Amino acid sequence: MPTHIDFDEFDEMFETFKYTAWRLETRRAYQSDEESETYRRFSRGLDAAYDLDDPWCSSRREQTALGKRFERVRVVDAPPTPGQLYLLDGARRNAAVGEDIRHLWRDDAARLGLPAEDFWLFDARVATLLHFDEADRITGIALITDPVEIVRYCQIRDAAWHHAVKHEQFIKAVRAESRH
């Protein structure tokens, strides 16, 4: 049975993992993004003006400098939602601080049988399942350590990562689709 952790405990996991932090992102929007200045700028057609020296970016750079890996697969609708377009744009920020982001079309994720769960998998030994409300606001975090569940999350990770498309290639496909 999962244990619920608070946001501070969750944030600490990004400093204390040893090897890999891997995420599956399946939502069409995130309230936390939509409340940010970068999102407001992006939605007005301006450069989002990401701050590569903010605490999140600094932490990612520090961790990757230690040899740790941050990876994620984002599931994207066709056509992408406004929130997903923002995340596609923001992938350059993530890449600039050492994260490897790949993407899967939602139809492909469904064919693979991937769940509609947002989660992080740390060192292939602990997962955090993110809970959201109807307004796309994160409401809680479940810490999962049961070995059977961890194997399931590792299988999801392996399938998603194997079939996901690197960001540079995916963004070209999105741009080509938007011209049609």
N, C-alpha and C. Protein backbone atom coordinates (compact mmCIF):
# COMPACT_ATOMS: atom_id res chain seq x y z
N MET A 1 0.85 -1.18 0.00
CA MET A 1 0.00 0.00 0.00
C MET A 1 0.90 1.25 0.00
N PRO A 2 0.62 2.19 -0.89
CA PRO A 2 1.47 3.37 -0.97
C PRO A 2 1.34 4.26 0.27
N THR A 3 2.42 4.95 0.54
CA THR A 3 2.46 5.96 1.60
C THR A 3 2.37 7.31 0.91
N HIS A 4 1.66 8.24 1.51
CA HIS A 4 1.59 9.57 0.93
C HIS A 4 2.67 10.44 1.55
N ILE A 5 3.35 11.20 0.70
CA ILE A 5 4.42 12.08 1.16
C ILE A 5 4.06 13.52 0.83
N ASP A 6 4.70 14.45 1.53
CA ASP A 6 4.41 15.85 1.26
C ASP A 6 5.35 16.37 0.16
N PHE A 7 5.11 17.59 -0.26
CA PHE A 7 5.87 18.16 -1.37
C PHE A 7 7.34 18.36 -1.04
N ASP A 8 7.66 18.66 0.21
CA ASP A 8 9.06 18.81 0.61
C ASP A 8 9.80 17.47 0.51
N GLU A 9 9.16 16.40 0.97
CA GLU A 9 9.78 15.07 0.86
C GLU A 9 9.98 14.69 -0.61
N PHE A 10 8.99 15.01 -1.42
CA PHE A 10 9.09 14.74 -2.85
C PHE A 10 10.25 15.51 -3.46
N ASP A 11 10.34 16.81 -3.18
CA ASP A 11 11.44 17.63 -3.71
C ASP A 11 12.80 17.07 -3.29
N GLU A 12 12.90 16.58 -2.08
CA GLU A 12 14.16 16.04 -1.58
C GLU A 12 14.62 14.82 -2.38
N MET A 13 13.67 14.08 -2.92
CA MET A 13 14.02 12.88 -3.69
C MET A 13 14.88 13.23 -4.92
N PHE A 14 14.72 14.44 -5.44
CA PHE A 14 15.49 14.86 -6.60
C PHE A 14 16.93 15.19 -6.26
N GLU A 15 17.23 15.26 -4.98
CA GLU A 15 18.59 15.49 -4.52
C GLU A 15 19.24 14.20 -4.03
N THR A 16 18.42 13.26 -3.56
CA THR A 16 18.97 12.08 -2.88
C THR A 16 19.00 10.81 -3.73
N PHE A 17 18.39 10.82 -4.92
CA PHE A 17 18.47 9.61 -5.74
C PHE A 17 19.93 9.41 -6.16
N LYS A 18 20.27 8.17 -6.52
CA LYS A 18 21.68 7.87 -6.80
C LYS A 18 22.02 7.85 -8.29
N TYR A 19 21.09 7.37 -9.14
CA TYR A 19 21.43 7.13 -10.54
C TYR A 19 20.48 7.78 -11.54
N THR A 20 19.20 7.41 -11.43
CA THR A 20 18.24 7.88 -12.44
C THR A 20 16.93 8.36 -11.82
N ALA A 21 16.41 9.41 -12.39
CA ALA A 21 15.07 9.90 -12.09
C ALA A 21 14.35 9.91 -13.44
N TRP A 22 13.31 9.10 -13.56
CA TRP A 22 12.62 8.92 -14.84
C TRP A 22 11.14 9.24 -14.65
N ARG A 23 10.56 9.96 -15.61
CA ARG A 23 9.16 10.35 -15.49
C ARG A 23 8.34 9.98 -16.72
N LEU A 24 7.10 9.59 -16.46
CA LEU A 24 6.09 9.47 -17.51
C LEU A 24 5.09 10.60 -17.26
N GLU A 25 4.92 11.46 -18.26
CA GLU A 25 3.99 12.59 -18.19
C GLU A 25 2.84 12.33 -19.15
N THR A 26 1.64 12.25 -18.63
CA THR A 26 0.51 11.86 -19.48
C THR A 26 -0.60 12.90 -19.55
N ARG A 27 -0.52 13.95 -18.78
CA ARG A 27 -1.62 14.90 -18.72
C ARG A 27 -1.60 15.86 -19.91
N ARG A 28 -2.76 16.40 -20.20
CA ARG A 28 -2.89 17.35 -21.30
C ARG A 28 -2.53 18.77 -20.88
N ALA A 29 -2.53 19.01 -19.57
CA ALA A 29 -2.21 20.34 -19.03
C ALA A 29 -1.81 20.19 -17.57
N TYR A 30 -1.08 21.19 -17.09
CA TYR A 30 -0.67 21.24 -15.68
C TYR A 30 -0.95 22.66 -15.18
N GLN A 31 -1.76 22.76 -14.13
CA GLN A 31 -2.12 24.06 -13.59
C GLN A 31 -0.89 24.86 -13.18
N SER A 32 0.11 24.18 -12.62
CA SER A 32 1.31 24.88 -12.19
C SER A 32 2.01 25.57 -13.36
N ASP A 33 1.96 24.96 -14.53
CA ASP A 33 2.53 25.61 -15.72
C ASP A 33 1.70 26.83 -16.09
N GLU A 34 0.39 26.64 -16.13
CA GLU A 34 -0.51 27.71 -16.59
C GLU A 34 -0.48 28.93 -15.67
N GLU A 35 -0.02 28.76 -14.45
CA GLU A 35 0.08 29.88 -13.51
C GLU A 35 1.43 30.60 -13.59
N SER A 36 2.33 30.11 -14.44
CA SER A 36 3.68 30.68 -14.50
C SER A 36 3.77 31.83 -15.50
N GLU A 37 4.72 32.70 -15.26
CA GLU A 37 4.96 33.81 -16.19
C GLU A 37 5.46 33.29 -17.53
N THR A 38 6.26 32.24 -17.52
CA THR A 38 6.76 31.69 -18.79
C THR A 38 5.60 31.20 -19.65
N TYR A 39 4.59 30.58 -19.03
CA TYR A 39 3.42 30.12 -19.78
C TYR A 39 2.65 31.31 -20.35
N ARG A 40 2.48 32.35 -19.54
CA ARG A 40 1.75 33.53 -20.02
C ARG A 40 2.48 34.14 -21.22
N ARG A 41 3.79 34.23 -21.13
CA ARG A 41 4.57 34.77 -22.24
C ARG A 41 4.41 33.89 -23.48
N PHE A 42 4.58 32.58 -23.28
CA PHE A 42 4.48 31.63 -24.40
C PHE A 42 3.10 31.71 -25.06
N SER A 43 2.05 31.77 -24.25
CA SER A 43 0.68 31.79 -24.81
C SER A 43 0.38 33.09 -25.55
N ARG A 44 1.15 34.14 -25.31
CA ARG A 44 1.00 35.39 -26.06
C ARG A 44 1.88 35.41 -27.31
N GLY A 45 2.57 34.31 -27.58
CA GLY A 45 3.42 34.23 -28.76
C GLY A 45 4.82 34.79 -28.57
N LEU A 46 5.17 35.06 -27.32
CA LEU A 46 6.50 35.59 -27.01
C LEU A 46 7.42 34.45 -26.60
N ASP A 47 8.72 34.73 -26.59
CA ASP A 47 9.67 33.77 -26.04
C ASP A 47 9.34 33.60 -24.56
N ALA A 48 9.34 32.37 -24.08
CA ALA A 48 8.98 32.11 -22.68
C ALA A 48 9.98 32.69 -21.69
N ALA A 49 11.18 32.95 -22.13
CA ALA A 49 12.23 33.55 -21.28
C ALA A 49 12.49 32.71 -20.03
N TYR A 50 12.82 31.44 -20.25
CA TYR A 50 13.14 30.55 -19.14
C TYR A 50 14.40 31.03 -18.43
N ASP A 51 14.39 30.98 -17.12
CA ASP A 51 15.53 31.36 -16.30
C ASP A 51 16.36 30.11 -16.03
N LEU A 52 17.46 29.95 -16.73
CA LEU A 52 18.28 28.75 -16.57
C LEU A 52 19.09 28.75 -15.28
N ASP A 53 18.96 29.82 -14.50
CA ASP A 53 19.64 29.88 -13.21
C ASP A 53 18.68 29.80 -12.03
N ASP A 54 17.39 29.49 -12.30
CA ASP A 54 16.46 29.35 -11.19
C ASP A 54 16.82 28.09 -10.38
N PRO A 55 16.27 27.95 -9.19
CA PRO A 55 16.65 26.80 -8.33
C PRO A 55 16.44 25.44 -8.98
N TRP A 56 15.34 25.27 -9.74
CA TRP A 56 15.07 23.99 -10.39
C TRP A 56 16.18 23.66 -11.38
N CYS A 57 16.55 24.62 -12.22
CA CYS A 57 17.61 24.40 -13.22
C CYS A 57 18.95 24.17 -12.54
N SER A 58 19.26 24.97 -11.54
CA SER A 58 20.54 24.81 -10.84
C SER A 58 20.66 23.42 -10.22
N SER A 59 19.57 22.95 -9.62
CA SER A 59 19.58 21.62 -9.01
C SER A 59 19.78 20.54 -10.06
N ARG A 60 19.09 20.64 -11.19
CA ARG A 60 19.26 19.65 -12.26
C ARG A 60 20.71 19.62 -12.76
N ARG A 61 21.29 20.79 -12.96
CA ARG A 61 22.68 20.85 -13.41
C ARG A 61 23.63 20.22 -12.39
N GLU A 62 23.42 20.52 -11.11
CA GLU A 62 24.26 19.95 -10.05
C GLU A 62 24.16 18.43 -10.04
N GLN A 63 22.95 17.92 -10.15
CA GLN A 63 22.76 16.47 -10.10
C GLN A 63 23.35 15.78 -11.34
N THR A 64 23.15 16.37 -12.51
CA THR A 64 23.71 15.75 -13.72
C THR A 64 25.24 15.84 -13.72
N ALA A 65 25.79 16.88 -13.12
CA ALA A 65 27.25 16.98 -13.00
C ALA A 65 27.82 15.86 -12.14
N LEU A 66 26.99 15.31 -11.26
CA LEU A 66 27.41 14.18 -10.43
C LEU A 66 27.24 12.85 -11.16
N GLY A 67 26.78 12.90 -12.41
CA GLY A 67 26.61 11.69 -13.19
C GLY A 67 25.21 11.09 -13.12
N LYS A 68 24.30 11.78 -12.46
CA LYS A 68 22.92 11.29 -12.37
C LYS A 68 22.18 11.66 -13.64
N ARG A 69 21.15 10.83 -13.99
CA ARG A 69 20.38 11.07 -15.21
C ARG A 69 18.94 11.43 -14.88
N PHE A 70 18.45 12.43 -15.61
CA PHE A 70 17.04 12.79 -15.60
C PHE A 70 16.50 12.47 -16.98
N GLU A 71 15.44 11.67 -17.03
CA GLU A 71 14.83 11.31 -18.31
C GLU A 71 13.32 11.36 -18.14
N ARG A 72 12.63 11.66 -19.25
CA ARG A 72 11.17 11.63 -19.19
C ARG A 72 10.61 11.36 -20.57
N VAL A 73 9.43 10.78 -20.56
CA VAL A 73 8.64 10.60 -21.78
C VAL A 73 7.35 11.35 -21.56
N ARG A 74 7.05 12.22 -22.51
CA ARG A 74 5.80 12.98 -22.48
C ARG A 74 4.85 12.41 -23.53
N VAL A 75 3.64 12.15 -23.11
CA VAL A 75 2.59 11.68 -24.01
C VAL A 75 1.89 12.92 -24.55
N VAL A 76 1.75 12.97 -25.89
CA VAL A 76 1.26 14.18 -26.55
C VAL A 76 0.07 13.83 -27.45
N ASP A 77 -0.96 14.67 -27.40
CA ASP A 77 -2.12 14.51 -28.26
C ASP A 77 -1.81 14.99 -29.67
N ALA A 78 -2.61 14.54 -30.64
CA ALA A 78 -2.50 15.03 -32.01
C ALA A 78 -3.83 15.66 -32.38
N PRO A 79 -3.89 16.98 -32.49
CA PRO A 79 -2.80 17.95 -32.31
C PRO A 79 -2.53 18.19 -30.82
N PRO A 80 -1.33 18.69 -30.51
CA PRO A 80 -1.01 18.96 -29.10
C PRO A 80 -1.91 20.03 -28.51
N THR A 81 -2.21 19.87 -27.23
CA THR A 81 -2.98 20.89 -26.50
C THR A 81 -2.08 22.10 -26.27
N PRO A 82 -2.65 23.26 -25.91
CA PRO A 82 -1.81 24.41 -25.59
C PRO A 82 -0.78 24.10 -24.49
N GLY A 83 -1.20 23.35 -23.47
CA GLY A 83 -0.28 22.97 -22.40
C GLY A 83 0.85 22.10 -22.91
N GLN A 84 0.54 21.19 -23.83
CA GLN A 84 1.57 20.33 -24.41
C GLN A 84 2.51 21.11 -25.32
N LEU A 85 1.99 22.09 -26.05
CA LEU A 85 2.86 22.94 -26.87
C LEU A 85 3.85 23.70 -25.98
N TYR A 86 3.37 24.16 -24.84
CA TYR A 86 4.24 24.84 -23.88
C TYR A 86 5.34 23.88 -23.40
N LEU A 87 4.96 22.65 -23.07
CA LEU A 87 5.95 21.67 -22.62
C LEU A 87 6.93 21.31 -23.73
N LEU A 88 6.46 21.24 -24.97
CA LEU A 88 7.37 20.98 -26.08
C LEU A 88 8.39 22.11 -26.20
N ASP A 89 7.94 23.33 -26.04
CA ASP A 89 8.84 24.47 -26.06
C ASP A 89 9.81 24.41 -24.87
N GLY A 90 9.28 24.06 -23.71
CA GLY A 90 10.09 24.02 -22.50
C GLY A 90 11.12 22.91 -22.47
N ALA A 91 11.00 21.95 -23.38
CA ALA A 91 11.98 20.86 -23.41
C ALA A 91 13.39 21.39 -23.67
N ARG A 92 13.49 22.53 -24.33
CA ARG A 92 14.83 23.10 -24.55
C ARG A 92 15.44 23.55 -23.23
N ARG A 93 14.62 24.02 -22.32
CA ARG A 93 15.09 24.37 -20.98
C ARG A 93 15.59 23.12 -20.26
N ASN A 94 14.77 22.06 -20.29
CA ASN A 94 15.15 20.81 -19.64
C ASN A 94 16.45 20.26 -20.23
N ALA A 95 16.56 20.28 -21.55
CA ALA A 95 17.77 19.77 -22.20
C ALA A 95 18.99 20.59 -21.83
N ALA A 96 18.81 21.90 -21.68
CA ALA A 96 19.93 22.79 -21.36
C ALA A 96 20.52 22.48 -19.98
N VAL A 97 19.74 21.85 -19.11
CA VAL A 97 20.26 21.52 -17.78
C VAL A 97 20.53 20.02 -17.63
N GLY A 98 20.50 19.29 -18.75
CA GLY A 98 20.95 17.91 -18.73
C GLY A 98 19.89 16.83 -18.77
N GLU A 99 18.64 17.19 -18.97
CA GLU A 99 17.58 16.19 -19.00
C GLU A 99 17.36 15.69 -20.42
N ASP A 100 17.07 14.41 -20.55
CA ASP A 100 16.77 13.79 -21.84
C ASP A 100 15.26 13.59 -21.91
N ILE A 101 14.62 14.31 -22.82
CA ILE A 101 13.16 14.23 -22.96
C ILE A 101 12.82 13.61 -24.31
N ARG A 102 11.87 12.69 -24.24
CA ARG A 102 11.36 12.05 -25.45
C ARG A 102 9.84 12.10 -25.41
N HIS A 103 9.23 11.84 -26.56
CA HIS A 103 7.79 12.01 -26.67
C HIS A 103 7.15 10.82 -27.36
N LEU A 104 5.90 10.61 -27.02
CA LEU A 104 5.06 9.58 -27.64
C LEU A 104 3.71 10.19 -27.96
N TRP A 105 3.20 9.91 -29.14
CA TRP A 105 1.83 10.32 -29.43
C TRP A 105 0.89 9.51 -28.54
N ARG A 106 -0.19 10.12 -28.12
CA ARG A 106 -1.14 9.46 -27.21
C ARG A 106 -1.69 8.16 -27.82
N ASP A 107 -1.97 8.15 -29.11
CA ASP A 107 -2.46 6.91 -29.74
C ASP A 107 -1.43 5.79 -29.64
N ASP A 108 -0.15 6.12 -29.79
CA ASP A 108 0.91 5.11 -29.67
C ASP A 108 1.01 4.62 -28.24
N ALA A 109 0.89 5.53 -27.28
CA ALA A 109 0.93 5.14 -25.87
C ALA A 109 -0.23 4.19 -25.55
N ALA A 110 -1.40 4.47 -26.12
CA ALA A 110 -2.57 3.60 -25.90
C ALA A 110 -2.34 2.22 -26.51
N ARG A 111 -1.77 2.19 -27.73
CA ARG A 111 -1.48 0.90 -28.37
C ARG A 111 -0.49 0.07 -27.55
N LEU A 112 0.43 0.75 -26.88
CA LEU A 112 1.41 0.06 -26.03
C LEU A 112 0.82 -0.37 -24.69
N GLY A 113 -0.38 0.12 -24.39
CA GLY A 113 -1.00 -0.20 -23.12
C GLY A 113 -0.43 0.58 -21.94
N LEU A 114 0.17 1.73 -22.23
CA LEU A 114 0.71 2.55 -21.14
C LEU A 114 -0.43 3.16 -20.33
N PRO A 115 -0.26 3.25 -19.03
CA PRO A 115 -1.32 3.82 -18.20
C PRO A 115 -1.36 5.34 -18.33
N ALA A 116 -2.47 5.91 -17.93
CA ALA A 116 -2.62 7.37 -17.93
C ALA A 116 -2.20 7.90 -16.57
N GLU A 117 -1.05 7.45 -16.09
CA GLU A 117 -0.53 7.85 -14.78
C GLU A 117 0.66 8.75 -14.98
N ASP A 118 0.76 9.78 -14.16
CA ASP A 118 1.96 10.60 -14.09
C ASP A 118 2.77 10.09 -12.91
N PHE A 119 3.99 9.70 -13.17
CA PHE A 119 4.82 9.20 -12.07
C PHE A 119 6.29 9.46 -12.34
N TRP A 120 7.05 9.45 -11.27
CA TRP A 120 8.51 9.46 -11.31
C TRP A 120 8.97 8.11 -10.78
N LEU A 121 10.02 7.58 -11.39
CA LEU A 121 10.66 6.34 -10.94
C LEU A 121 12.10 6.69 -10.60
N PHE A 122 12.49 6.47 -9.35
CA PHE A 122 13.83 6.81 -8.89
C PHE A 122 14.65 5.54 -8.70
N ASP A 123 15.77 5.48 -9.40
CA ASP A 123 16.73 4.38 -9.27
C ASP A 123 16.09 3.00 -9.44
N ALA A 124 14.99 2.94 -10.16
CA ALA A 124 14.27 1.67 -10.41
C ALA A 124 13.97 0.93 -9.11
N ARG A 125 13.77 1.70 -8.01
CA ARG A 125 13.47 1.06 -6.73
C ARG A 125 12.33 1.73 -5.96
N VAL A 126 11.99 2.96 -6.34
CA VAL A 126 10.88 3.65 -5.68
C VAL A 126 10.18 4.52 -6.72
N ALA A 127 8.86 4.55 -6.66
CA ALA A 127 8.08 5.38 -7.59
C ALA A 127 7.25 6.37 -6.80
N THR A 128 6.95 7.48 -7.43
CA THR A 128 6.03 8.45 -6.86
C THR A 128 4.91 8.69 -7.87
N LEU A 129 3.71 8.34 -7.49
CA LEU A 129 2.54 8.52 -8.33
C LEU A 129 1.93 9.88 -7.99
N LEU A 130 1.78 10.72 -9.00
CA LEU A 130 1.28 12.07 -8.79
C LEU A 130 -0.24 12.09 -8.99
N HIS A 131 -0.95 12.65 -8.04
CA HIS A 131 -2.40 12.74 -8.11
C HIS A 131 -2.80 14.18 -8.46
N PHE A 132 -3.81 14.31 -9.33
CA PHE A 132 -4.27 15.62 -9.80
C PHE A 132 -5.78 15.72 -9.63
N ASP A 133 -6.26 16.95 -9.53
CA ASP A 133 -7.71 17.17 -9.50
C ASP A 133 -8.19 17.52 -10.92
N GLU A 134 -9.49 17.83 -11.05
CA GLU A 134 -10.08 18.13 -12.36
C GLU A 134 -9.49 19.39 -12.98
N ALA A 135 -8.91 20.25 -12.18
CA ALA A 135 -8.32 21.50 -12.68
C ALA A 135 -6.83 21.33 -13.01
N ASP A 136 -6.36 20.09 -13.07
CA ASP A 136 -4.96 19.78 -13.41
C ASP A 136 -3.97 20.27 -12.36
N ARG A 137 -4.44 20.38 -11.13
CA ARG A 137 -3.60 20.81 -10.00
C ARG A 137 -3.15 19.56 -9.25
N ILE A 138 -1.87 19.47 -8.95
CA ILE A 138 -1.37 18.33 -8.19
C ILE A 138 -1.93 18.39 -6.78
N THR A 139 -2.49 17.28 -6.34
CA THR A 139 -3.15 17.24 -5.02
C THR A 139 -2.44 16.32 -4.04
N GLY A 140 -1.58 15.47 -4.52
CA GLY A 140 -0.90 14.55 -3.61
C GLY A 140 0.11 13.68 -4.33
N ILE A 141 0.94 13.05 -3.52
CA ILE A 141 2.01 12.20 -4.05
C ILE A 141 2.03 10.91 -3.24
N ALA A 142 1.91 9.79 -3.94
CA ALA A 142 1.97 8.48 -3.29
C ALA A 142 3.35 7.89 -3.52
N LEU A 143 4.00 7.48 -2.45
CA LEU A 143 5.30 6.84 -2.51
C LEU A 143 5.07 5.34 -2.61
N ILE A 144 5.62 4.73 -3.64
CA ILE A 144 5.40 3.30 -3.88
C ILE A 144 6.75 2.57 -3.79
N THR A 145 6.81 1.58 -2.92
CA THR A 145 8.05 0.81 -2.74
C THR A 145 7.82 -0.69 -2.91
N ASP A 146 6.58 -1.11 -3.06
CA ASP A 146 6.28 -2.53 -3.23
C ASP A 146 7.01 -3.07 -4.46
N PRO A 147 7.85 -4.11 -4.29
CA PRO A 147 8.66 -4.61 -5.41
C PRO A 147 7.84 -5.01 -6.65
N VAL A 148 6.66 -5.57 -6.46
CA VAL A 148 5.82 -5.95 -7.60
C VAL A 148 5.39 -4.71 -8.38
N GLU A 149 4.99 -3.67 -7.67
CA GLU A 149 4.60 -2.43 -8.33
C GLU A 149 5.81 -1.76 -9.01
N ILE A 150 6.96 -1.82 -8.38
CA ILE A 150 8.16 -1.22 -8.97
C ILE A 150 8.51 -1.93 -10.27
N VAL A 151 8.40 -3.23 -10.31
CA VAL A 151 8.64 -3.97 -11.56
C VAL A 151 7.68 -3.49 -12.64
N ARG A 152 6.41 -3.29 -12.28
CA ARG A 152 5.42 -2.79 -13.25
C ARG A 152 5.84 -1.41 -13.77
N TYR A 153 6.26 -0.52 -12.88
CA TYR A 153 6.70 0.81 -13.32
C TYR A 153 7.96 0.71 -14.19
N CYS A 154 8.85 -0.21 -13.88
CA CYS A 154 10.04 -0.40 -14.72
C CYS A 154 9.65 -0.90 -16.12
N GLN A 155 8.67 -1.77 -16.19
CA GLN A 155 8.20 -2.26 -17.48
C GLN A 155 7.55 -1.14 -18.28
N ILE A 156 6.79 -0.29 -17.62
CA ILE A 156 6.19 0.87 -18.28
C ILE A 156 7.30 1.77 -18.82
N ARG A 157 8.28 2.05 -17.97
CA ARG A 157 9.42 2.88 -18.37
C ARG A 157 10.11 2.30 -19.60
N ASP A 158 10.40 1.00 -19.56
CA ASP A 158 11.13 0.38 -20.67
C ASP A 158 10.34 0.46 -21.97
N ALA A 159 9.05 0.18 -21.92
CA ALA A 159 8.22 0.24 -23.13
C ALA A 159 8.13 1.67 -23.65
N ALA A 160 7.87 2.61 -22.75
CA ALA A 160 7.75 4.01 -23.18
C ALA A 160 9.06 4.52 -23.76
N TRP A 161 10.15 4.26 -23.10
CA TRP A 161 11.47 4.76 -23.54
C TRP A 161 11.85 4.15 -24.88
N HIS A 162 11.57 2.87 -25.04
CA HIS A 162 11.92 2.18 -26.29
C HIS A 162 11.18 2.77 -27.49
N HIS A 163 9.94 3.13 -27.31
CA HIS A 163 9.11 3.61 -28.42
C HIS A 163 9.07 5.13 -28.55
N ALA A 164 9.53 5.83 -27.55
CA ALA A 164 9.47 7.30 -27.58
C ALA A 164 10.47 7.86 -28.60
N VAL A 165 10.13 9.03 -29.08
CA VAL A 165 10.93 9.71 -30.11
C VAL A 165 11.72 10.84 -29.44
N LYS A 166 12.99 10.95 -29.81
CA LYS A 166 13.80 12.04 -29.26
C LYS A 166 13.17 13.38 -29.60
N HIS A 167 13.37 14.34 -28.70
CA HIS A 167 12.69 15.63 -28.82
C HIS A 167 12.91 16.30 -30.18
N GLU A 168 14.13 16.36 -30.64
CA GLU A 168 14.43 17.07 -31.90
C GLU A 168 13.64 16.48 -33.07
N GLN A 169 13.57 15.17 -33.13
CA GLN A 169 12.82 14.50 -34.20
C GLN A 169 11.32 14.71 -34.02
N PHE A 170 10.84 14.62 -32.79
CA PHE A 170 9.41 14.77 -32.52
C PHE A 170 8.92 16.17 -32.86
N ILE A 171 9.69 17.17 -32.49
CA ILE A 171 9.27 18.55 -32.73
C ILE A 171 9.16 18.82 -34.23
N LYS A 172 10.00 18.19 -35.03
CA LYS A 172 9.89 18.32 -36.49
C LYS A 172 8.56 17.73 -36.98
N ALA A 173 8.16 16.61 -36.41
CA ALA A 173 6.89 15.98 -36.80
C ALA A 173 5.71 16.87 -36.39
N VAL A 174 5.79 17.48 -35.21
CA VAL A 174 4.72 18.37 -34.75
C VAL A 174 4.61 19.58 -35.69
N ARG A 175 5.74 20.15 -36.05
CA ARG A 175 5.72 21.30 -36.97
C ARG A 175 5.17 20.91 -38.33
N ALA A 176 5.53 19.75 -38.82
CA ALA A 176 5.01 19.28 -40.11
C ALA A 176 3.50 19.09 -40.04
N GLU A 177 3.00 18.51 -38.93
CA GLU A 177 1.56 18.32 -38.76
C GLU A 177 0.82 19.64 -38.72
N SER A 178 1.41 20.64 -38.08
CA SER A 178 0.71 21.92 -37.94
C SER A 178 0.61 22.67 -39.25
N ARG A 179 1.43 22.30 -40.23
CA ARG A 179 1.36 22.95 -41.55
C ARG A 179 0.22 22.35 -42.39
N HIS A 180 -0.33 21.24 -41.98
CA HIS A 180 -1.40 20.60 -42.77
C HIS A 180 -2.75 21.12 -42.40
